[in-house]
C-alpha cells in the first residue's frame, strides 16, 4: 500500500464501516448522524482499512469512530485519518474538536489532544448522542482547540 490518502465516505460504505467498527469494538450507534458527509476512509484496494468521522455541532465537533483494521495497525493510518478530520474541521472554521475514549487517551494525547472534564466540554457536545448515551461515563474526554 502506497502513501495512504483518505477519501470521503459514500453512502454505500456504511455497511463496511459498521463491520470495521464492530471488529475493533467501537459503537455503531449514532454513526449515521453524520455519515457519510463527516467521514473519511482509507482503503487498500477495495478493502476498507480505516475510518474516522466528525460530527459538527455549531462551531465545535466531535471526533468519533477512529478505527484501523487490526492487520493494518502501527502504519500511521490512524494519525493520517485524524489529521484529515482535523483539517476538515479547520476548513469549516470550527473552534475545537472533542472526543471520548475508553482505550486510547494516550494515543490521542500524542496527537495534541488534552484531557478535559466532561462537564467542561461545549454544551452542544455534551448534548450529542455520543456524550449523552453512547459512551460510558468512564470514558476520558479530550479536546483540541483549533
N, C-alpha and C. Protein backbone atom coordinates (compact mmCIF):
# COMPACT_ATOMS: atom_id res chain seq x y z
N UNK A 1 0.86 -1.18 0.00
CA UNK A 1 0.00 0.00 0.00
C UNK A 1 0.90 1.24 0.00
N UNK A 2 0.69 2.14 -0.95
CA UNK A 2 1.47 3.37 -1.01
C UNK A 2 0.98 4.34 0.06
N UNK A 3 1.49 5.58 0.00
CA UNK A 3 1.09 6.59 0.99
C UNK A 3 -0.44 6.67 1.06
N UNK A 4 -1.00 6.45 2.24
CA UNK A 4 -2.46 6.44 2.36
C UNK A 4 -3.07 7.83 2.19
N UNK A 5 -4.11 7.89 1.41
CA UNK A 5 -4.83 9.14 1.21
C UNK A 5 -6.29 8.90 1.57
N UNK A 6 -6.76 9.58 2.61
CA UNK A 6 -8.18 9.43 2.96
C UNK A 6 -9.08 9.95 1.85
N UNK A 7 -10.19 9.28 1.66
CA UNK A 7 -11.19 9.69 0.68
C UNK A 7 -12.52 9.86 1.40
N UNK A 8 -13.38 10.71 0.87
CA UNK A 8 -14.69 10.89 1.51
C UNK A 8 -15.49 9.59 1.51
N UNK A 9 -16.20 9.35 2.60
CA UNK A 9 -17.09 8.20 2.67
C UNK A 9 -18.27 8.43 1.73
N UNK A 10 -18.84 7.32 1.28
CA UNK A 10 -20.05 7.35 0.44
C UNK A 10 -21.13 6.55 1.16
N UNK A 11 -22.36 6.82 0.83
CA UNK A 11 -23.47 6.13 1.48
C UNK A 11 -23.31 4.61 1.40
N UNK A 12 -22.81 4.13 0.28
CA UNK A 12 -22.67 2.68 0.10
C UNK A 12 -21.55 2.08 0.94
N UNK A 13 -20.76 2.91 1.62
CA UNK A 13 -19.70 2.42 2.50
C UNK A 13 -20.20 2.09 3.91
N UNK A 14 -21.43 2.43 4.21
CA UNK A 14 -21.94 2.31 5.58
C UNK A 14 -21.76 0.91 6.15
N UNK A 15 -22.13 -0.12 5.42
CA UNK A 15 -22.05 -1.48 5.96
C UNK A 15 -20.59 -1.86 6.28
N UNK A 16 -19.67 -1.54 5.39
CA UNK A 16 -18.25 -1.85 5.63
C UNK A 16 -17.72 -1.10 6.85
N UNK A 17 -18.13 0.16 7.01
CA UNK A 17 -17.71 0.94 8.17
C UNK A 17 -18.27 0.32 9.45
N UNK A 18 -19.54 -0.06 9.43
CA UNK A 18 -20.13 -0.70 10.60
C UNK A 18 -19.37 -1.98 10.96
N UNK A 19 -19.02 -2.77 9.96
CA UNK A 19 -18.28 -4.01 10.21
C UNK A 19 -16.91 -3.73 10.83
N UNK A 20 -16.20 -2.72 10.30
CA UNK A 20 -14.90 -2.37 10.86
C UNK A 20 -15.02 -1.91 12.30
N UNK A 21 -15.99 -1.06 12.58
CA UNK A 21 -16.19 -0.57 13.95
C UNK A 21 -16.50 -1.73 14.90
N UNK A 22 -17.33 -2.66 14.46
CA UNK A 22 -17.65 -3.82 15.29
C UNK A 22 -16.40 -4.67 15.52
N UNK A 23 -15.57 -4.82 14.50
CA UNK A 23 -14.34 -5.61 14.63
C UNK A 23 -13.43 -5.06 15.71
N UNK A 24 -13.37 -3.73 15.83
CA UNK A 24 -12.48 -3.11 16.82
C UNK A 24 -13.22 -2.67 18.09
N UNK A 25 -14.44 -3.17 18.26
CA UNK A 25 -15.25 -2.94 19.47
C UNK A 25 -15.57 -1.47 19.72
N UNK A 26 -15.85 -0.74 18.63
CA UNK A 26 -16.34 0.64 18.77
C UNK A 26 -17.83 0.65 18.47
N UNK A 27 -18.56 1.59 19.08
CA UNK A 27 -20.01 1.63 18.88
C UNK A 27 -20.39 2.06 17.45
N UNK A 28 -21.47 1.47 16.97
CA UNK A 28 -22.01 1.87 15.68
C UNK A 28 -23.26 2.73 15.86
N UNK A 29 -23.79 2.76 17.07
CA UNK A 29 -24.96 3.59 17.35
C UNK A 29 -24.62 5.04 17.08
N UNK A 30 -25.51 5.74 16.40
CA UNK A 30 -25.30 7.15 16.10
C UNK A 30 -24.40 7.40 14.90
N UNK A 31 -23.84 6.35 14.32
CA UNK A 31 -22.94 6.50 13.18
C UNK A 31 -23.58 7.29 12.05
N UNK A 32 -24.83 7.03 11.78
CA UNK A 32 -25.49 7.66 10.63
C UNK A 32 -25.84 9.12 10.88
N UNK A 33 -25.62 9.63 12.10
CA UNK A 33 -25.93 11.04 12.37
C UNK A 33 -25.14 11.98 11.47
N UNK A 34 -23.91 11.60 11.10
CA UNK A 34 -23.08 12.45 10.25
C UNK A 34 -22.44 11.64 9.12
N UNK A 35 -23.04 10.52 8.78
CA UNK A 35 -22.49 9.66 7.74
C UNK A 35 -23.31 9.81 6.47
N UNK A 36 -22.69 9.96 5.33
CA UNK A 36 -21.27 9.84 5.06
C UNK A 36 -20.51 11.17 5.09
N UNK A 37 -21.20 12.29 5.13
CA UNK A 37 -20.55 13.60 4.92
C UNK A 37 -19.44 13.93 5.91
N UNK A 38 -19.49 13.42 7.12
CA UNK A 38 -18.47 13.74 8.11
C UNK A 38 -17.32 12.75 8.18
N UNK A 39 -17.31 11.75 7.30
CA UNK A 39 -16.36 10.65 7.42
C UNK A 39 -15.37 10.58 6.28
N UNK A 40 -14.18 10.10 6.64
CA UNK A 40 -13.13 9.83 5.66
C UNK A 40 -12.68 8.38 5.84
N UNK A 41 -12.28 7.77 4.75
CA UNK A 41 -11.89 6.36 4.75
C UNK A 41 -10.52 6.19 4.13
N UNK A 42 -9.86 5.11 4.51
CA UNK A 42 -8.65 4.67 3.81
C UNK A 42 -8.92 3.25 3.35
N UNK A 43 -8.61 3.01 2.09
CA UNK A 43 -8.79 1.69 1.51
C UNK A 43 -7.44 1.11 1.08
N UNK A 44 -7.37 -0.19 1.08
CA UNK A 44 -6.25 -0.91 0.48
C UNK A 44 -6.89 -1.72 -0.64
N UNK A 45 -6.79 -1.20 -1.85
CA UNK A 45 -7.56 -1.78 -2.95
C UNK A 45 -9.03 -1.50 -2.69
N UNK A 46 -9.82 -2.55 -2.68
CA UNK A 46 -11.25 -2.36 -2.41
C UNK A 46 -11.59 -2.56 -0.93
N UNK A 47 -10.62 -2.98 -0.13
CA UNK A 47 -10.88 -3.26 1.29
C UNK A 47 -10.79 -1.99 2.13
N UNK A 48 -11.77 -1.78 2.97
CA UNK A 48 -11.75 -0.67 3.92
C UNK A 48 -10.79 -1.03 5.05
N UNK A 49 -9.79 -0.18 5.29
CA UNK A 49 -8.82 -0.45 6.35
C UNK A 49 -8.81 0.61 7.44
N UNK A 50 -9.47 1.74 7.22
CA UNK A 50 -9.51 2.78 8.24
C UNK A 50 -10.65 3.75 8.03
N UNK A 51 -11.10 4.33 9.15
CA UNK A 51 -12.20 5.28 9.12
C UNK A 51 -12.05 6.28 10.26
N UNK A 52 -12.53 7.48 10.05
CA UNK A 52 -12.64 8.48 11.11
C UNK A 52 -13.74 9.45 10.70
N UNK A 53 -14.45 9.98 11.70
CA UNK A 53 -15.52 10.92 11.40
C UNK A 53 -15.56 12.08 12.36
N UNK A 54 -16.21 13.14 11.91
CA UNK A 54 -16.52 14.25 12.81
C UNK A 54 -18.01 14.55 12.70
N UNK A 55 -18.57 14.85 13.85
CA UNK A 55 -19.95 15.34 13.91
C UNK A 55 -19.84 16.80 14.31
N UNK A 56 -20.43 17.69 13.53
CA UNK A 56 -20.33 19.12 13.79
C UNK A 56 -21.55 19.60 14.56
N UNK A 57 -21.28 20.37 15.62
CA UNK A 57 -22.31 20.97 16.46
C UNK A 57 -21.95 22.44 16.62
N UNK A 58 -22.67 23.31 15.92
CA UNK A 58 -22.38 24.75 15.94
C UNK A 58 -20.93 24.96 15.50
N UNK A 59 -20.07 25.51 16.39
CA UNK A 59 -18.69 25.79 15.98
C UNK A 59 -17.69 24.81 16.59
N UNK A 60 -18.17 23.65 17.05
CA UNK A 60 -17.31 22.61 17.60
C UNK A 60 -17.64 21.27 16.94
N UNK A 61 -16.76 20.30 17.11
CA UNK A 61 -17.01 18.99 16.52
C UNK A 61 -16.63 17.89 17.49
N UNK A 62 -17.18 16.73 17.24
CA UNK A 62 -16.87 15.51 17.98
C UNK A 62 -16.18 14.57 17.01
N UNK A 63 -14.95 14.19 17.32
CA UNK A 63 -14.22 13.19 16.54
C UNK A 63 -14.67 11.83 17.05
N UNK A 64 -15.08 10.97 16.12
CA UNK A 64 -15.55 9.65 16.56
C UNK A 64 -15.24 8.60 15.52
N UNK A 65 -15.36 7.37 15.95
CA UNK A 65 -15.21 6.22 15.05
C UNK A 65 -13.86 6.18 14.36
N UNK A 66 -12.80 6.53 15.09
CA UNK A 66 -11.46 6.41 14.54
C UNK A 66 -11.07 4.94 14.69
N UNK A 67 -10.94 4.25 13.57
CA UNK A 67 -10.67 2.81 13.61
C UNK A 67 -9.78 2.41 12.45
N UNK A 68 -8.85 1.51 12.75
CA UNK A 68 -7.97 0.93 11.74
C UNK A 68 -8.06 -0.58 11.89
N UNK A 69 -8.17 -1.27 10.78
CA UNK A 69 -8.22 -2.73 10.80
C UNK A 69 -7.01 -3.27 11.54
N UNK A 70 -7.19 -4.26 12.41
CA UNK A 70 -6.09 -4.77 13.21
C UNK A 70 -4.84 -5.14 12.40
N UNK A 71 -5.01 -5.73 11.25
CA UNK A 71 -3.85 -6.14 10.44
C UNK A 71 -3.11 -4.95 9.83
N UNK A 72 -3.71 -3.75 9.89
CA UNK A 72 -3.11 -2.56 9.28
C UNK A 72 -2.58 -1.57 10.31
N UNK A 73 -2.60 -1.94 11.58
CA UNK A 73 -2.18 -1.01 12.64
C UNK A 73 -0.67 -0.80 12.65
N UNK A 74 -0.27 0.24 13.35
CA UNK A 74 1.15 0.61 13.50
C UNK A 74 1.77 1.06 12.19
N UNK A 75 0.95 1.55 11.27
CA UNK A 75 1.45 2.07 9.99
C UNK A 75 1.15 3.55 9.82
N UNK A 76 0.58 4.17 10.87
CA UNK A 76 0.28 5.59 10.81
C UNK A 76 -1.06 5.94 10.20
N UNK A 77 -1.88 4.95 9.91
CA UNK A 77 -3.17 5.22 9.26
C UNK A 77 -4.11 6.02 10.17
N UNK A 78 -4.13 5.71 11.45
CA UNK A 78 -4.97 6.46 12.38
C UNK A 78 -4.57 7.92 12.42
N UNK A 79 -3.27 8.16 12.48
CA UNK A 79 -2.76 9.53 12.50
C UNK A 79 -3.17 10.28 11.22
N UNK A 80 -3.07 9.60 10.08
CA UNK A 80 -3.46 10.22 8.80
C UNK A 80 -4.95 10.56 8.81
N UNK A 81 -5.76 9.65 9.31
CA UNK A 81 -7.21 9.89 9.35
C UNK A 81 -7.57 11.02 10.31
N UNK A 82 -6.95 11.05 11.48
CA UNK A 82 -7.23 12.13 12.43
C UNK A 82 -6.80 13.47 11.83
N UNK A 83 -5.63 13.51 11.21
CA UNK A 83 -5.17 14.76 10.59
C UNK A 83 -6.15 15.22 9.52
N UNK A 84 -6.69 14.29 8.76
CA UNK A 84 -7.66 14.63 7.72
C UNK A 84 -8.93 15.23 8.33
N UNK A 85 -9.42 14.64 9.39
CA UNK A 85 -10.65 15.15 10.03
C UNK A 85 -10.38 16.49 10.71
N UNK A 86 -9.20 16.69 11.28
CA UNK A 86 -8.87 17.99 11.87
C UNK A 86 -8.76 19.05 10.78
N UNK A 87 -8.22 18.67 9.64
CA UNK A 87 -8.15 19.60 8.50
C UNK A 87 -9.57 20.00 8.06
N UNK A 88 -10.46 19.04 8.01
CA UNK A 88 -11.85 19.33 7.65
C UNK A 88 -12.49 20.27 8.66
N UNK A 89 -12.19 20.07 9.94
CA UNK A 89 -12.74 20.94 10.99
C UNK A 89 -12.19 22.35 10.85
N UNK A 90 -10.89 22.47 10.55
CA UNK A 90 -10.31 23.80 10.35
C UNK A 90 -10.90 24.50 9.13
N UNK A 91 -11.14 23.75 8.07
CA UNK A 91 -11.73 24.34 6.87
C UNK A 91 -13.12 24.89 7.16
N UNK A 92 -13.81 24.28 8.10
CA UNK A 92 -15.14 24.76 8.49
C UNK A 92 -15.05 25.84 9.55
N UNK A 93 -13.82 26.22 9.92
CA UNK A 93 -13.56 27.25 10.92
C UNK A 93 -14.17 26.91 12.29
N UNK A 94 -14.09 25.63 12.66
CA UNK A 94 -14.56 25.22 13.97
C UNK A 94 -13.53 25.61 15.02
N UNK A 95 -13.96 25.79 16.25
CA UNK A 95 -13.05 26.27 17.29
C UNK A 95 -12.38 25.15 18.08
N UNK A 96 -13.02 23.99 18.14
CA UNK A 96 -12.49 22.92 18.99
C UNK A 96 -13.04 21.57 18.53
N UNK A 97 -12.23 20.54 18.68
CA UNK A 97 -12.66 19.17 18.40
C UNK A 97 -12.52 18.37 19.69
N UNK A 98 -13.58 17.67 20.06
CA UNK A 98 -13.62 16.84 21.25
C UNK A 98 -13.67 15.38 20.84
N UNK A 99 -13.34 14.51 21.80
CA UNK A 99 -13.54 13.08 21.60
C UNK A 99 -13.68 12.41 22.95
N UNK A 100 -14.26 11.23 22.93
CA UNK A 100 -14.36 10.38 24.11
C UNK A 100 -13.67 9.06 23.78
N UNK A 101 -12.93 8.52 24.74
CA UNK A 101 -12.29 7.24 24.53
C UNK A 101 -12.19 6.47 25.84
N UNK A 102 -12.31 5.17 25.73
CA UNK A 102 -12.11 4.31 26.89
C UNK A 102 -10.77 3.59 26.82
N UNK A 103 -10.11 3.63 25.66
CA UNK A 103 -8.89 2.84 25.49
C UNK A 103 -7.70 3.58 24.89
N UNK A 104 -7.90 4.76 24.31
CA UNK A 104 -6.83 5.37 23.52
C UNK A 104 -6.48 6.79 23.93
N UNK A 105 -6.65 7.14 25.19
CA UNK A 105 -6.37 8.51 25.63
C UNK A 105 -4.92 8.90 25.34
N UNK A 106 -3.98 8.03 25.65
CA UNK A 106 -2.57 8.35 25.41
C UNK A 106 -2.27 8.55 23.93
N UNK A 107 -2.88 7.74 23.09
CA UNK A 107 -2.69 7.87 21.65
C UNK A 107 -3.12 9.26 21.19
N UNK A 108 -4.31 9.67 21.59
CA UNK A 108 -4.82 10.97 21.15
C UNK A 108 -4.06 12.13 21.80
N UNK A 109 -3.57 11.95 23.01
CA UNK A 109 -2.75 12.99 23.63
C UNK A 109 -1.46 13.16 22.82
N UNK A 110 -0.96 12.08 22.26
CA UNK A 110 0.21 12.16 21.40
C UNK A 110 -0.05 12.92 20.11
N UNK A 111 -1.31 13.07 19.76
CA UNK A 111 -1.71 13.82 18.56
C UNK A 111 -2.11 15.26 18.90
N UNK A 112 -1.90 15.65 20.16
CA UNK A 112 -2.17 17.04 20.55
C UNK A 112 -3.42 17.28 21.36
N UNK A 113 -4.24 16.27 21.56
CA UNK A 113 -5.44 16.42 22.37
C UNK A 113 -5.06 16.46 23.85
N UNK A 114 -5.85 17.17 24.65
CA UNK A 114 -5.62 17.27 26.09
C UNK A 114 -6.87 16.83 26.84
N UNK A 115 -6.66 16.19 27.99
CA UNK A 115 -7.79 15.77 28.81
C UNK A 115 -8.55 16.99 29.32
N UNK A 116 -9.86 16.89 29.29
CA UNK A 116 -10.73 17.90 29.88
C UNK A 116 -11.85 17.17 30.63
N UNK A 117 -12.39 17.82 31.62
CA UNK A 117 -13.54 17.24 32.31
C UNK A 117 -14.72 17.21 31.36
N UNK A 118 -15.51 16.16 31.41
CA UNK A 118 -16.68 16.08 30.53
C UNK A 118 -17.58 17.29 30.71
N UNK A 119 -17.71 17.74 31.95
CA UNK A 119 -18.56 18.89 32.24
C UNK A 119 -18.03 20.18 31.62
N UNK A 120 -16.76 20.21 31.25
CA UNK A 120 -16.16 21.40 30.65
C UNK A 120 -16.31 21.42 29.14
N UNK A 121 -16.78 20.33 28.56
CA UNK A 121 -16.98 20.29 27.10
C UNK A 121 -18.09 21.25 26.70
N UNK A 122 -18.03 21.72 25.48
CA UNK A 122 -19.07 22.62 24.97
C UNK A 122 -20.44 21.98 25.16
N UNK A 123 -21.42 22.79 25.49
CA UNK A 123 -22.77 22.30 25.76
C UNK A 123 -23.30 21.48 24.58
N UNK A 124 -23.05 21.95 23.36
CA UNK A 124 -23.53 21.23 22.18
C UNK A 124 -22.95 19.82 22.13
N UNK A 125 -21.70 19.67 22.51
CA UNK A 125 -21.05 18.36 22.52
C UNK A 125 -21.65 17.49 23.62
N UNK A 126 -21.88 18.08 24.78
CA UNK A 126 -22.48 17.32 25.88
C UNK A 126 -23.86 16.79 25.52
N UNK A 127 -24.55 17.48 24.62
CA UNK A 127 -25.89 17.07 24.23
C UNK A 127 -25.89 16.08 23.07
N UNK A 128 -24.72 15.78 22.52
CA UNK A 128 -24.65 14.80 21.42
C UNK A 128 -25.00 13.41 21.95
N UNK A 129 -25.44 12.54 21.05
CA UNK A 129 -25.78 11.18 21.47
C UNK A 129 -24.56 10.46 22.02
N UNK A 130 -23.40 10.72 21.43
CA UNK A 130 -22.16 10.07 21.87
C UNK A 130 -21.90 10.38 23.35
N UNK A 131 -22.03 11.65 23.73
CA UNK A 131 -21.80 12.04 25.13
C UNK A 131 -22.96 11.62 26.01
N UNK A 132 -24.18 11.83 25.55
CA UNK A 132 -25.35 11.63 26.39
C UNK A 132 -25.65 10.16 26.67
N UNK A 133 -25.39 9.28 25.69
CA UNK A 133 -25.82 7.90 25.93
C UNK A 133 -24.92 6.81 25.38
N UNK A 134 -24.14 7.09 24.34
CA UNK A 134 -23.39 6.01 23.70
C UNK A 134 -22.14 5.63 24.47
N UNK A 135 -21.32 6.61 24.83
CA UNK A 135 -20.07 6.34 25.55
C UNK A 135 -20.33 6.30 27.05
N UNK A 136 -19.67 5.37 27.75
CA UNK A 136 -19.89 5.27 29.20
C UNK A 136 -19.31 6.48 29.93
N UNK A 137 -19.81 6.70 31.12
CA UNK A 137 -19.33 7.82 31.94
C UNK A 137 -17.85 7.69 32.26
N UNK A 138 -17.32 6.48 32.18
CA UNK A 138 -15.90 6.26 32.46
C UNK A 138 -14.99 6.68 31.31
N UNK A 139 -15.56 7.00 30.16
CA UNK A 139 -14.74 7.42 29.01
C UNK A 139 -14.02 8.73 29.31
N UNK A 140 -12.79 8.82 28.84
CA UNK A 140 -11.99 10.03 29.01
C UNK A 140 -12.38 11.02 27.92
N UNK A 141 -12.55 12.26 28.31
CA UNK A 141 -12.87 13.33 27.36
C UNK A 141 -11.57 14.07 27.04
N UNK A 142 -11.35 14.29 25.77
CA UNK A 142 -10.18 15.04 25.32
C UNK A 142 -10.64 16.12 24.35
N UNK A 143 -9.83 17.16 24.23
CA UNK A 143 -10.17 18.26 23.33
C UNK A 143 -8.92 18.82 22.69
N UNK A 144 -9.09 19.38 21.51
CA UNK A 144 -8.03 20.05 20.80
C UNK A 144 -8.59 21.37 20.26
N UNK A 145 -8.08 22.49 20.77
CA UNK A 145 -8.50 23.79 20.26
C UNK A 145 -7.87 24.00 18.89
N UNK A 146 -8.66 24.53 17.96
CA UNK A 146 -8.16 24.74 16.59
C UNK A 146 -7.78 26.19 16.37
